[in-house]
């Protein structure tokens, strides 16, 4: 079980390093793709893997609920601020802020795995 905990911690750094290598190798910045765009789905999969390994139930429903609340909050904010809705602008902002939420959610999952035993 200790090996899985160490792997969960290593995933934090390996995911960011892997995303950076992919973005810089394929020159994805010219398309507006950065490290956060690649790392978000990887961290989401890692949340499912780590929570399924250490707990009876996966944290996927909790993660999806948090992302849904984030999307509703951002949509309401955009409508109030601009009085119009641009899906392109919303999706880009949602994806980047979703990365921050996903990163902290994964960090909380790893910390909870260590505290659980």
Foldseek 3Di string as FASTA:
>chain_A
DVVLLVVLVVCLVVLQVVLQCVCVVVVCVVVVDHSLLRSLVVLLVSQQVLQVVQHVDGCNVVLVVVLVVLLVVLQVVCCVVPVDDDPVVSVVVSSNVSSVVSSVSSVVSSVVSVVVD
